[in-house]
Amino acid sequence: MSTVLPKSTREIRLASRPQGRPVKENFRLAERDLPELQDGQVLVRNEFMSVDPYMRGRMNDAKSYSAPFRLDAALDGGAVGEVIASRSEAFKVGDVVVHPLGWREYSVVDAASATPVPAGLAPTSAFLGALGMTGLTAYAGLLKVAEFKAGDVVFVSGAAGAVGSIVGQIAKAMGASKVIGSAGSPEKVARLLELGFDVAFDYHDGPVAKQLHEAAGERGIDVYFDNVGGEHLEAALAVLTVGGRVAMCGAISQYNSTEPTPGPRNLAVAIGKQLTLRGFLVGGQRQHAAEFAGKMAGWLADGTVRYDETIVDGLENAPQAFIDLLDGANTGKMLVRLS
């Protein structure tokens, strides 16, 4: 019996560019006809889509490392789903793939931009998180960008988020002498301790510099994995050891700012301490993907690494999920379940 294929899809479009913190009125739920499949394309019924902090920058009409989202056009981002029609030799109906055309229920995807999901390794949602871009960001950022070494003391900001929670667990698995994490609630702090962080603190409880100094002690920190920027980066610079390394992954504390944000007031300490501050994008780390996939599969299988997901149901709720992500409402990976 042949499957009746959908002729249209619902999608989330950018209705207007946010000024500061996004609001639901910046987004619009719309429906459009699906184009006919061309050679080399597949039709995917999306199961989960990802919302990620970097998407906030793409909502601005500004030149950056990734093109801005277009007004009144569907947003995009990571998604995972089942192939329900194929005109590609690379994929057959029933295959599960990860692809970059989320924010819609059905996606017509060029096969070259889809990645197969191995059956039985983990739930499909994990391939948007721990086994996907999120996990690779954590792995490459810590080991390749920050050049982590066994015995290092590591500080992770935004540590209860999708990337940060995995960074801390990888550091422990690879022999860190201490892993410190900051998060935004007592519940998140408790979760970090459950995941094996040695020390965790709530940045709302007082100045980050004071809490970090108490957590690090006189030993200081060797590596700072920065997801937050701002006050956290300034605090980390103060306690980094000579030759310390910073992997600059994100600056979520500044993404909704409407005015230019000043840099750390103590940046000059990087000179005397001979620090390395290195920004990176996960797209520049894909050469490590195979190495990462093998390591992470083993860590997940034996329980060395665990991951959290915050799941919101329904495409229509994706804008609120994104807003909540920027407000820190998630623990672990923020996902929207579509089917």
C-alpha atoms as a PDB file:
ATOM      1  CA  MET A   1       0.000   0.000   0.000  1.00  0.00           C
ATOM      2  CA  SER A   2       1.475   3.341  -0.990  1.00  0.00           C
ATOM      3  CA  THR A   3       1.882   6.114   1.550  1.00  0.00           C
ATOM      4  CA  VAL A   4      -0.024   9.332   0.957  1.00  0.00           C
ATOM      5  CA  LEU A   5       2.581  12.074   1.049  1.00  0.00           C
ATOM      6  CA  PRO A   6       1.878  15.530   2.454  1.00  0.00           C
ATOM      7  CA  LYS A   7       1.395  18.316  -0.043  1.00  0.00           C
ATOM      8  CA  SER A   8       2.137  21.149   2.390  1.00  0.00           C
ATOM      9  CA  THR A   9       3.983  21.881   5.603  1.00  0.00           C
ATOM     10  CA  ARG A  10       3.613  24.235   8.515  1.00  0.00           C
ATOM     11  CA  GLU A  11       6.689  26.337   9.257  1.00  0.00           C
ATOM     12  CA  ILE A  12       7.855  29.133  11.544  1.00  0.00           C
ATOM     13  CA  ARG A  13       8.844  32.353   9.777  1.00  0.00           C
ATOM     14  CA  LEU A  14      10.673  35.429  11.021  1.00  0.00           C
ATOM     15  CA  ALA A  15       7.965  38.105  11.030  1.00  0.00           C
ATOM     16  CA  SER A  16      10.179  40.944  12.291  1.00  0.00           C
ATOM     17  CA  ARG A  17      13.671  41.426  13.636  1.00  0.00           C
ATOM     18  CA  PRO A  18      13.878  41.433  17.444  1.00  0.00           C
ATOM     19  CA  GLN A  19      14.956  44.589  19.228  1.00  0.00           C
ATOM     20  CA  GLY A  20      16.687  43.244  22.301  1.00  0.00           C
ATOM     21  CA  ARG A  21      14.931  40.240  23.827  1.00  0.00           C
ATOM     22  CA  PRO A  22      12.826  38.383  21.232  1.00  0.00           C
ATOM     23  CA  VAL A  23       9.052  38.248  21.678  1.00  0.00           C
ATOM     24  CA  LYS A  24       6.507  35.881  20.144  1.00  0.00           C
ATOM     25  CA  GLU A  25       5.354  38.606  17.752  1.00  0.00           C
ATOM     26  CA  ASN A  26       8.733  38.357  15.994  1.00  0.00           C
ATOM     27  CA  PHE A  27       7.626  34.942  14.689  1.00  0.00           C
ATOM     28  CA  ARG A  28       4.752  33.709  12.540  1.00  0.00           C
ATOM     29  CA  LEU A  29       3.288  30.254  11.974  1.00  0.00           C
ATOM     30  CA  ALA A  30       2.544  29.745   8.273  1.00  0.00           C
ATOM     31  CA  GLU A  31       1.743  26.967   5.816  1.00  0.00           C
ATOM     32  CA  ARG A  32       3.189  26.502   2.354  1.00  0.00           C
ATOM     33  CA  ASP A  33       3.050  23.962  -0.442  1.00  0.00           C
ATOM     34  CA  LEU A  34       5.870  21.465  -0.624  1.00  0.00           C
ATOM     35  CA  PRO A  35       7.847  21.545  -3.883  1.00  0.00           C
ATOM     36  CA  GLU A  36       8.126  18.419  -5.982  1.00  0.00           C
ATOM     37  CA  LEU A  37      11.190  16.344  -5.136  1.00  0.00           C
ATOM     38  CA  GLN A  38      14.099  16.726  -7.517  1.00  0.00           C
ATOM     39  CA  ASP A  39      16.872  14.240  -8.214  1.00  0.00           C
ATOM     40  CA  GLY A  40      19.202  14.039  -5.204  1.00  0.00           C
ATOM     41  CA  GLN A  41      16.561  15.162  -2.716  1.00  0.00           C
ATOM     42  CA  VAL A  42      14.596  13.509   0.096  1.00  0.00           C
ATOM     43  CA  LEU A  43      11.397  14.433   1.927  1.00  0.00           C
ATOM     44  CA  VAL A  44      11.808  14.224   5.702  1.00  0.00           C
ATOM     45  CA  ARG A  45       9.094  14.112   8.344  1.00  0.00           C
ATOM     46  CA  ASN A  46      10.808  15.924  11.203  1.00  0.00           C
ATOM     47  CA  GLU A  47      10.633  14.361  14.654  1.00  0.00           C
ATOM     48  CA  PHE A  48      12.683  16.890  16.633  1.00  0.00           C
ATOM     49  CA  MET A  49      14.146  20.318  15.902  1.00  0.00           C
ATOM     50  CA  SER A  50      16.790  22.204  17.810  1.00  0.00           C
ATOM     51  CA  VAL A  51      16.718  25.757  19.095  1.00  0.00           C
ATOM     52  CA  ASP A  52      20.181  27.161  19.806  1.00  0.00           C
ATOM     53  CA  PRO A  53      21.596  30.431  21.152  1.00  0.00           C
ATOM     54  CA  TYR A  54      23.512  31.218  17.931  1.00  0.00           C
ATOM     55  CA  MET A  55      20.181  31.651  16.140  1.00  0.00           C
ATOM     56  CA  ARG A  56      19.653  34.941  17.965  1.00  0.00           C
ATOM     57  CA  GLY A  57      22.501  36.559  16.025  1.00  0.00           C
ATOM     58  CA  ARG A  58      21.029  35.408  12.723  1.00  0.00           C
ATOM     59  CA  MET A  59      17.829  37.289  13.526  1.00  0.00           C
ATOM     60  CA  ASN A  60      19.712  40.582  13.246  1.00  0.00           C
ATOM     61  CA  ASP A  61      20.304  42.183   9.861  1.00  0.00           C
ATOM     62  CA  ALA A  62      24.048  42.265  10.398  1.00  0.00           C
ATOM     63  CA  LYS A  63      27.057  40.684   8.743  1.00  0.00           C
ATOM     64  CA  SER A  64      28.335  37.721  10.691  1.00  0.00           C
ATOM     65  CA  TYR A  65      29.824  34.256  10.217  1.00  0.00           C
ATOM     66  CA  SER A  66      26.392  33.000   9.154  1.00  0.00           C
ATOM     67  CA  ALA A  67      23.886  34.713   6.870  1.00  0.00           C
ATOM     68  CA  PRO A  68      20.975  36.515   8.573  1.00  0.00           C
ATOM     69  CA  PHE A  69      17.570  34.901   8.497  1.00  0.00           C
ATOM     70  CA  ARG A  70      15.337  36.503   5.858  1.00  0.00           C
ATOM     71  CA  LEU A  71      12.140  38.250   6.874  1.00  0.00           C
ATOM     72  CA  ASP A  72       8.910  36.361   6.130  1.00  0.00           C
ATOM     73  CA  ALA A  73      10.890  33.241   5.316  1.00  0.00           C
ATOM     74  CA  ALA A  74      11.193  30.014   7.268  1.00  0.00           C
ATOM     75  CA  LEU A  75      13.920  29.888   9.884  1.00  0.00           C
ATOM     76  CA  ASP A  76      16.315  26.977   9.772  1.00  0.00           C
ATOM     77  CA  GLY A  77      18.418  24.919  12.149  1.00  0.00           C
ATOM     78  CA  GLY A  78      19.198  21.359  13.106  1.00  0.00           C
ATOM     79  CA  ALA A  79      16.467  18.729  12.834  1.00  0.00           C
ATOM     80  CA  VAL A  80      16.186  14.967  12.831  1.00  0.00           C
ATOM     81  CA  GLY A  81      13.502  12.915  11.151  1.00  0.00           C
ATOM     82  CA  GLU A  82      12.437  10.031   8.934  1.00  0.00           C
ATOM     83  CA  VAL A  83      12.782   9.937   5.166  1.00  0.00           C
ATOM     84  CA  ILE A  84       9.276   9.397   3.744  1.00  0.00           C
ATOM     85  CA  ALA A  85      10.146   9.880   0.055  1.00  0.00           C
ATOM     86  CA  SER A  86      13.465   9.761  -1.752  1.00  0.00           C
ATOM     87  CA  ARG A  87      14.946  10.577  -5.122  1.00  0.00           C
ATOM     88  CA  SER A  88      18.466   9.935  -3.901  1.00  0.00           C
ATOM     89  CA  GLU A  89      20.495   6.752  -4.034  1.00  0.00           C
ATOM     90  CA  ALA A  90      22.024   7.723  -0.680  1.00  0.00           C
ATOM     91  CA  PHE A  91      18.801   7.321   1.327  1.00  0.00           C
ATOM     92  CA  LYS A  92      15.745   5.082   1.248  1.00  0.00           C
ATOM     93  CA  VAL A  93      12.323   5.496   2.765  1.00  0.00           C
ATOM     94  CA  GLY A  94      12.512   4.743   6.484  1.00  0.00           C
ATOM     95  CA  ASP A  95      16.043   6.052   6.989  1.00  0.00           C
ATOM     96  CA  VAL A  96      16.534   8.567   9.805  1.00  0.00           C
ATOM     97  CA  VAL A  97      18.655  11.611   9.055  1.00  0.00           C
ATOM     98  CA  VAL A  98      19.933  14.812  10.634  1.00  0.00           C
ATOM     99  CA  HIS A  99      19.713  17.903   8.440  1.00  0.00           C
ATOM    100  CA  PRO A 100      19.779  21.734   8.681  1.00  0.00           C
ATOM    101  CA  LEU A 101      16.170  22.564   7.735  1.00  0.00           C
ATOM    102  CA  GLY A 102      14.289  22.632  11.007  1.00  0.00           C
ATOM    103  CA  TRP A 103      11.526  25.035  12.089  1.00  0.00           C
ATOM    104  CA  ARG A 104       9.064  23.132   9.859  1.00  0.00           C
ATOM    105  CA  GLU A 105       7.191  19.837  10.060  1.00  0.00           C
ATOM    106  CA  TYR A 106       8.321  18.477   6.674  1.00  0.00           C
ATOM    107  CA  SER A 107      11.551  19.365   4.901  1.00  0.00           C
ATOM    108  CA  VAL A 108      12.705  18.865   1.324  1.00  0.00           C
ATOM    109  CA  VAL A 109      16.414  18.272   1.829  1.00  0.00           C
ATOM    110  CA  ASP A 110      19.319  17.897  -0.550  1.00  0.00           C
ATOM    111  CA  ALA A 111      20.779  14.486   0.242  1.00  0.00           C
ATOM    112  CA  ALA A 112      24.271  15.965   0.333  1.00  0.00           C
ATOM    113  CA  SER A 113      23.314  18.033   3.395  1.00  0.00           C
ATOM    114  CA  ALA A 114      21.750  15.118   5.312  1.00  0.00           C
ATOM    115  CA  THR A 115      23.607  12.799   7.672  1.00  0.00           C
ATOM    116  CA  PRO A 116      22.386   9.261   8.412  1.00  0.00           C
ATOM    117  CA  VAL A 117      21.557   8.328  11.998  1.00  0.00           C
ATOM    118  CA  PRO A 118      22.789   4.854  12.974  1.00  0.00           C
ATOM    119  CA  ALA A 119      20.001   2.636  14.296  1.00  0.00           C
ATOM    120  CA  GLY A 120      20.007   1.538  17.913  1.00  0.00           C
ATOM    121  CA  LEU A 121      22.877   3.684  19.179  1.00  0.00           C
ATOM    122  CA  ALA A 122      20.754   6.248  21.044  1.00  0.00           C
ATOM    123  CA  PRO A 123      17.352   7.959  20.816  1.00  0.00           C
ATOM    124  CA  THR A 124      17.096  10.075  17.669  1.00  0.00           C
ATOM    125  CA  SER A 125      16.980  13.303  19.689  1.00  0.00           C
ATOM    126  CA  ALA A 126      20.530  12.633  20.934  1.00  0.00           C
ATOM    127  CA  PHE A 127      21.834  13.283  17.427  1.00  0.00           C
ATOM    128  CA  LEU A 128      20.881  16.932  17.844  1.00  0.00           C
ATOM    129  CA  GLY A 129      22.597  16.999  21.237  1.00  0.00           C
ATOM    130  CA  ALA A 130      25.201  14.776  22.839  1.00  0.00           C
ATOM    131  CA  LEU A 131      25.925  12.846  19.625  1.00  0.00           C
ATOM    132  CA  GLY A 132      25.509  15.848  17.335  1.00  0.00           C
ATOM    133  CA  MET A 133      26.696  19.415  16.947  1.00  0.00           C
ATOM    134  CA  THR A 134      26.328  20.055  20.676  1.00  0.00           C
ATOM    135  CA  GLY A 135      28.591  17.187  21.658  1.00  0.00           C
ATOM    136  CA  LEU A 136      31.164  17.999  18.979  1.00  0.00           C
ATOM    137  CA  THR A 137      31.242  21.612  20.187  1.00  0.00           C
ATOM    138  CA  ALA A 138      31.985  20.447  23.730  1.00  0.00           C
ATOM    139  CA  TYR A 139      34.565  17.846  22.686  1.00  0.00           C
ATOM    140  CA  ALA A 140      36.509  19.914  20.182  1.00  0.00           C
ATOM    141  CA  GLY A 141      36.258  23.106  22.209  1.00  0.00           C
ATOM    142  CA  LEU A 142      37.734  21.501  25.293  1.00  0.00           C
ATOM    143  CA  LEU A 143      40.304  19.150  23.785  1.00  0.00           C
ATOM    144  CA  LYS A 144      41.353  20.879  20.555  1.00  0.00           C
ATOM    145  CA  VAL A 145      40.713  24.586  21.146  1.00  0.00           C
ATOM    146  CA  ALA A 146      41.519  24.838  24.862  1.00  0.00           C
ATOM    147  CA  GLU A 147      44.113  22.035  24.584  1.00  0.00           C
ATOM    148  CA  PHE A 148      42.959  20.404  27.816  1.00  0.00           C
ATOM    149  CA  LYS A 149      45.499  18.231  29.647  1.00  0.00           C
ATOM    150  CA  ALA A 150      44.965  15.693  32.414  1.00  0.00           C
ATOM    151  CA  GLY A 151      45.346  17.407  35.770  1.00  0.00           C
ATOM    152  CA  ASP A 152      43.908  20.728  34.587  1.00  0.00           C
ATOM    153  CA  VAL A 153      41.390  22.655  36.666  1.00  0.00           C
ATOM    154  CA  VAL A 154      38.470  23.532  34.373  1.00  0.00           C
ATOM    155  CA  PHE A 155      35.756  26.170  34.778  1.00  0.00           C
ATOM    156  CA  VAL A 156      32.625  26.005  32.616  1.00  0.00           C
ATOM    157  CA  SER A 157      30.032  28.791  32.476  1.00  0.00           C
ATOM    158  CA  GLY A 158      26.476  28.043  31.431  1.00  0.00           C
ATOM    159  CA  ALA A 159      27.374  24.599  32.717  1.00  0.00           C
ATOM    160  CA  ALA A 160      23.846  23.204  32.918  1.00  0.00           C
ATOM    161  CA  GLY A 161      23.218  23.935  29.244  1.00  0.00           C
ATOM    162  CA  ALA A 162      23.549  21.513  26.378  1.00  0.00           C
ATOM    163  CA  VAL A 163      27.236  22.184  25.671  1.00  0.00           C
ATOM    164  CA  GLY A 164      28.452  23.081  29.137  1.00  0.00           C
ATOM    165  CA  SER A 165      27.143  19.977  30.873  1.00  0.00           C
ATOM    166  CA  ILE A 166      28.964  17.758  28.395  1.00  0.00           C
ATOM    167  CA  VAL A 167      32.191  19.791  28.621  1.00  0.00           C
ATOM    168  CA  GLY A 168      32.373  19.186  32.350  1.00  0.00           C
ATOM    169  CA  GLN A 169      31.783  15.450  32.018  1.00  0.00           C
ATOM    170  CA  ILE A 170      34.380  15.079  29.272  1.00  0.00           C
ATOM    171  CA  ALA A 171      36.892  16.955  31.423  1.00  0.00           C
ATOM    172  CA  LYS A 172      36.273  14.546  34.302  1.00  0.00           C
ATOM    173  CA  ALA A 173      36.531  11.544  31.994  1.00  0.00           C
ATOM    174  CA  MET A 174      39.855  12.814  30.633  1.00  0.00           C
ATOM    175  CA  GLY A 175      41.425  13.365  34.052  1.00  0.00           C
ATOM    176  CA  ALA A 176      40.684  16.917  35.195  1.00  0.00           C
ATOM    177  CA  SER A 177      41.808  17.525  38.775  1.00  0.00           C
ATOM    178  CA  LYS A 178      38.768  19.738  39.399  1.00  0.00           C
ATOM    179  CA  VAL A 179      35.760  20.823  37.347  1.00  0.00           C
ATOM    180  CA  ILE A 180      33.830  23.943  38.369  1.00  0.00           C
ATOM    181  CA  GLY A 181      30.504  24.978  36.860  1.00  0.00           C
ATOM    182  CA  SER A 182      28.238  27.990  37.107  1.00  0.00           C
ATOM    183  CA  ALA A 183      24.490  27.860  36.504  1.00  0.00           C
ATOM    184  CA  GLY A 184      21.385  29.943  37.073  1.00  0.00           C
ATOM    185  CA  SER A 185      19.342  28.122  39.730  1.00  0.00           C
ATOM    186  CA  PRO A 186      19.768  25.874  42.779  1.00  0.00           C
ATOM    187  CA  GLU A 187      18.198  23.002  40.819  1.00  0.00           C
ATOM    188  CA  LYS A 188      20.763  23.356  38.047  1.00  0.00           C
ATOM    189  CA  VAL A 189      23.609  23.533  40.567  1.00  0.00           C
ATOM    190  CA  ALA A 190      22.369  20.299  42.141  1.00  0.00           C
ATOM    191  CA  ARG A 191      22.196  18.657  38.724  1.00  0.00           C
ATOM    192  CA  LEU A 192      25.803  19.611  37.940  1.00  0.00           C
ATOM    193  CA  LEU A 193      26.957  17.897  41.125  1.00  0.00           C
ATOM    194  CA  GLU A 194      24.988  14.807  40.095  1.00  0.00           C
ATOM    195  CA  LEU A 195      26.791  14.854  36.747  1.00  0.00           C
ATOM    196  CA  GLY A 196      30.186  14.781  38.466  1.00  0.00           C
ATOM    197  CA  PHE A 197      31.197  18.434  38.670  1.00  0.00           C
ATOM    198  CA  ASP A 198      33.370  18.912  41.769  1.00  0.00           C
ATOM    199  CA  VAL A 199      32.028  22.387  42.573  1.00  0.00           C
ATOM    200  CA  ALA A 200      29.079  24.355  41.226  1.00  0.00           C
ATOM    201  CA  PHE A 201      27.577  27.728  42.105  1.00  0.00           C
ATOM    202  CA  ASP A 202      24.544  29.838  41.255  1.00  0.00           C
ATOM    203  CA  TYR A 203      25.701  33.090  39.671  1.00  0.00           C
ATOM    204  CA  HIS A 204      22.660  34.826  41.158  1.00  0.00           C
ATOM    205  CA  ASP A 205      24.021  34.218  44.674  1.00  0.00           C
ATOM    206  CA  GLY A 206      26.682  36.913  44.488  1.00  0.00           C
ATOM    207  CA  PRO A 207      29.487  38.331  42.356  1.00  0.00           C
ATOM    208  CA  VAL A 208      30.818  35.693  39.980  1.00  0.00           C
ATOM    209  CA  ALA A 209      34.411  36.771  40.702  1.00  0.00           C
ATOM    210  CA  LYS A 210      34.019  36.091  44.432  1.00  0.00           C
ATOM    211  CA  GLN A 211      32.273  32.737  43.972  1.00  0.00           C
ATOM    212  CA  LEU A 212      34.751  31.553  41.363  1.00  0.00           C
ATOM    213  CA  HIS A 213      37.742  32.558  43.492  1.00  0.00           C
ATOM    214  CA  GLU A 214      36.316  30.571  46.393  1.00  0.00           C
ATOM    215  CA  ALA A 215      35.665  27.567  44.156  1.00  0.00           C
ATOM    216  CA  ALA A 216      39.092  27.621  42.516  1.00  0.00           C
ATOM    217  CA  GLY A 217      41.121  28.390  45.646  1.00  0.00           C
ATOM    218  CA  GLU A 218      44.730  29.465  45.443  1.00  0.00           C
ATOM    219  CA  ARG A 219      45.384  26.881  42.721  1.00  0.00           C
ATOM    220  CA  GLY A 220      43.326  28.859  40.201  1.00  0.00           C
ATOM    221  CA  ILE A 221      42.040  27.444  36.913  1.00  0.00           C
ATOM    222  CA  ASP A 222      43.899  26.271  33.822  1.00  0.00           C
ATOM    223  CA  VAL A 223      41.014  26.196  31.336  1.00  0.00           C
ATOM    224  CA  TYR A 224      37.895  28.319  30.999  1.00  0.00           C
ATOM    225  CA  PHE A 225      35.154  27.147  28.619  1.00  0.00           C
ATOM    226  CA  ASP A 226      33.126  30.299  28.004  1.00  0.00           C
ATOM    227  CA  ASN A 227      29.462  30.073  27.060  1.00  0.00           C
ATOM    228  CA  VAL A 228      28.403  33.323  28.728  1.00  0.00           C
ATOM    229  CA  GLY A 229      30.959  36.139  28.307  1.00  0.00           C
ATOM    230  CA  GLY A 230      30.617  39.371  30.287  1.00  0.00           C
ATOM    231  CA  GLU A 231      31.058  39.084  34.041  1.00  0.00           C
ATOM    232  CA  HIS A 232      31.995  35.410  33.791  1.00  0.00           C
ATOM    233  CA  LEU A 233      34.864  36.057  31.397  1.00  0.00           C
ATOM    234  CA  GLU A 234      36.215  38.862  33.565  1.00  0.00           C
ATOM    235  CA  ALA A 235      36.070  36.614  36.632  1.00  0.00           C
ATOM    236  CA  ALA A 236      37.845  33.774  34.829  1.00  0.00           C
ATOM    237  CA  LEU A 237      40.685  36.014  33.640  1.00  0.00           C
ATOM    238  CA  ALA A 238      41.352  36.944  37.253  1.00  0.00           C
ATOM    239  CA  VAL A 239      41.884  33.336  38.404  1.00  0.00           C
ATOM    240  CA  LEU A 240      43.473  31.756  35.329  1.00  0.00           C
ATOM    241  CA  THR A 241      46.977  30.433  35.906  1.00  0.00           C
ATOM    242  CA  VAL A 242      50.017  31.424  33.851  1.00  0.00           C
ATOM    243  CA  GLY A 243      49.610  29.838  30.425  1.00  0.00           C
ATOM    244  CA  GLY A 244      45.862  29.382  30.952  1.00  0.00           C
ATOM    245  CA  ARG A 245      43.580  28.809  27.978  1.00  0.00           C
ATOM    246  CA  VAL A 246      40.094  30.084  27.180  1.00  0.00           C
ATOM    247  CA  ALA A 247      37.801  28.446  24.618  1.00  0.00           C
ATOM    248  CA  MET A 248      35.327  31.165  23.617  1.00  0.00           C
ATOM    249  CA  CYS A 249      32.232  29.284  22.515  1.00  0.00           C
ATOM    250  CA  GLY A 250      29.435  31.770  23.222  1.00  0.00           C
ATOM    251  CA  ALA A 251      28.417  34.941  25.027  1.00  0.00           C
ATOM    252  CA  ILE A 252      24.749  34.393  25.788  1.00  0.00           C
ATOM    253  CA  SER A 253      24.717  37.150  28.397  1.00  0.00           C
ATOM    254  CA  GLN A 254      25.146  39.663  25.563  1.00  0.00           C
ATOM    255  CA  TYR A 255      22.981  38.277  22.744  1.00  0.00           C
ATOM    256  CA  ASN A 256      19.971  40.474  23.504  1.00  0.00           C
ATOM    257  CA  SER A 257      21.984  43.641  24.126  1.00  0.00           C
ATOM    258  CA  THR A 258      20.901  46.655  22.085  1.00  0.00           C
ATOM    259  CA  GLU A 259      24.131  48.592  22.735  1.00  0.00           C
ATOM    260  CA  PRO A 260      27.754  47.483  22.296  1.00  0.00           C
ATOM    261  CA  THR A 261      28.938  45.643  25.394  1.00  0.00           C
ATOM    262  CA  PRO A 262      32.330  46.528  26.917  1.00  0.00           C
ATOM    263  CA  GLY A 263      35.053  43.934  27.088  1.00  0.00           C
ATOM    264  CA  PRO A 264      36.493  42.623  30.364  1.00  0.00           C
ATOM    265  CA  ARG A 265      38.044  45.438  32.372  1.00  0.00           C
ATOM    266  CA  ASN A 266      40.997  43.223  33.289  1.00  0.00           C
ATOM    267  CA  LEU A 267      41.888  41.999  29.809  1.00  0.00           C
ATOM    268  CA  ALA A 268      45.470  43.231  30.266  1.00  0.00           C
ATOM    269  CA  VAL A 269      46.162  40.357  32.678  1.00  0.00           C
ATOM    270  CA  ALA A 270      46.291  38.141  29.587  1.00  0.00           C
ATOM    271  CA  ILE A 271      49.679  39.666  28.835  1.00  0.00           C
ATOM    272  CA  GLY A 272      51.444  38.924  32.082  1.00  0.00           C
ATOM    273  CA  LYS A 273      49.795  35.528  32.441  1.00  0.00           C
ATOM    274  CA  GLN A 274      50.530  34.652  28.803  1.00  0.00           C
ATOM    275  CA  LEU A 275      46.956  33.515  28.301  1.00  0.00           C
ATOM    276  CA  THR A 276      45.434  32.146  25.119  1.00  0.00           C
ATOM    277  CA  LEU A 277      41.892  33.315  24.328  1.00  0.00           C
ATOM    278  CA  ARG A 278      40.599  31.524  21.252  1.00  0.00           C
ATOM    279  CA  GLY A 279      37.177  31.829  19.702  1.00  0.00           C
ATOM    280  CA  PHE A 280      35.840  28.945  17.642  1.00  0.00           C
ATOM    281  CA  LEU A 281      32.877  27.700  15.628  1.00  0.00           C
ATOM    282  CA  VAL A 282      31.847  24.076  15.496  1.00  0.00           C
ATOM    283  CA  GLY A 283      31.879  24.268  11.693  1.00  0.00           C
ATOM    284  CA  GLY A 284      35.640  24.686  11.875  1.00  0.00           C
ATOM    285  CA  GLN A 285      36.023  21.518  13.940  1.00  0.00           C
ATOM    286  CA  ARG A 286      34.376  18.966  11.661  1.00  0.00           C
ATOM    287  CA  GLN A 287      37.702  17.229  11.031  1.00  0.00           C
ATOM    288  CA  HIS A 288      37.341  15.847  14.556  1.00  0.00           C
ATOM    289  CA  ALA A 289      33.816  14.497  14.022  1.00  0.00           C
ATOM    290  CA  ALA A 290      34.747  10.842  13.535  1.00  0.00           C
ATOM    291  CA  GLU A 291      37.081  10.830  16.550  1.00  0.00           C
ATOM    292  CA  PHE A 292      34.369  12.511  18.628  1.00  0.00           C
ATOM    293  CA  ALA A 293      31.628  10.112  17.506  1.00  0.00           C
ATOM    294  CA  GLY A 294      33.645   7.065  18.542  1.00  0.00           C
ATOM    295  CA  LYS A 295      34.559   8.493  21.932  1.00  0.00           C
ATOM    296  CA  MET A 296      31.096   9.798  22.740  1.00  0.00           C
ATOM    297  CA  ALA A 297      29.366   6.548  21.755  1.00  0.00           C
ATOM    298  CA  GLY A 298      31.562   4.723  24.255  1.00  0.00           C
ATOM    299  CA  TRP A 299      31.036   7.277  27.004  1.00  0.00           C
ATOM    300  CA  LEU A 300      27.263   7.188  26.587  1.00  0.00           C
ATOM    301  CA  ALA A 301      27.229   3.394  26.510  1.00  0.00           C
ATOM    302  CA  ASP A 302      29.132   3.008  29.790  1.00  0.00           C
ATOM    303  CA  GLY A 303      27.459   5.947  31.551  1.00  0.00           C
ATOM    304  CA  THR A 304      30.552   8.143  31.713  1.00  0.00           C
ATOM    305  CA  VAL A 305      28.571  10.924  30.027  1.00  0.00           C
ATOM    306  CA  ARG A 306      24.880  11.597  30.638  1.00  0.00           C
ATOM    307  CA  TYR A 307      22.761  14.233  28.973  1.00  0.00           C
ATOM    308  CA  ASP A 308      19.620  16.188  29.771  1.00  0.00           C
ATOM    309  CA  GLU A 309      16.902  17.368  27.409  1.00  0.00           C
ATOM    310  CA  THR A 310      14.183  19.966  27.826  1.00  0.00           C
ATOM    311  CA  ILE A 311      11.462  19.044  25.331  1.00  0.00           C
ATOM    312  CA  VAL A 312       8.640  21.315  24.176  1.00  0.00           C
ATOM    313  CA  ASP A 313       5.828  19.783  22.116  1.00  0.00           C
ATOM    314  CA  GLY A 314       4.471  21.318  18.922  1.00  0.00           C
ATOM    315  CA  LEU A 315       5.905  23.440  16.138  1.00  0.00           C
ATOM    316  CA  GLU A 316       3.675  26.333  17.178  1.00  0.00           C
ATOM    317  CA  ASN A 317       5.540  26.448  20.509  1.00  0.00           C
ATOM    318  CA  ALA A 318       9.016  26.663  18.950  1.00  0.00           C
ATOM    319  CA  PRO A 319       9.271  30.477  19.265  1.00  0.00           C
ATOM    320  CA  GLN A 320       8.509  30.340  22.988  1.00  0.00           C
ATOM    321  CA  ALA A 321      11.020  27.504  23.397  1.00  0.00           C
ATOM    322  CA  PHE A 322      13.661  29.695  21.780  1.00  0.00           C
ATOM    323  CA  ILE A 323      12.786  32.663  24.007  1.00  0.00           C
ATOM    324  CA  ASP A 324      12.892  30.402  27.064  1.00  0.00           C
ATOM    325  CA  LEU A 325      16.306  29.108  25.987  1.00  0.00           C
ATOM    326  CA  LEU A 326      17.726  32.638  25.978  1.00  0.00           C
ATOM    327  CA  ASP A 327      16.184  33.167  29.411  1.00  0.00           C
ATOM    328  CA  GLY A 328      17.931  30.054  30.747  1.00  0.00           C
ATOM    329  CA  ALA A 329      14.769  28.001  31.267  1.00  0.00           C
ATOM    330  CA  ASN A 330      16.331  24.823  29.884  1.00  0.00           C
ATOM    331  CA  THR A 331      18.440  22.144  31.506  1.00  0.00           C
ATOM    332  CA  GLY A 332      20.545  20.443  28.860  1.00  0.00           C
ATOM    333  CA  LYS A 333      19.468  20.537  25.239  1.00  0.00           C
ATOM    334  CA  MET A 334      16.335  22.507  24.299  1.00  0.00           C
ATOM    335  CA  LEU A 335      14.331  20.601  21.688  1.00  0.00           C
ATOM    336  CA  VAL A 336      10.938  20.882  20.050  1.00  0.00           C
ATOM    337  CA  ARG A 337       9.126  17.613  19.345  1.00  0.00           C
ATOM    338  CA  LEU A 338       7.255  17.791  16.048  1.00  0.00           C
ATOM    339  CA  SER A 339       5.830  14.288  15.672  1.00  0.00           C
END
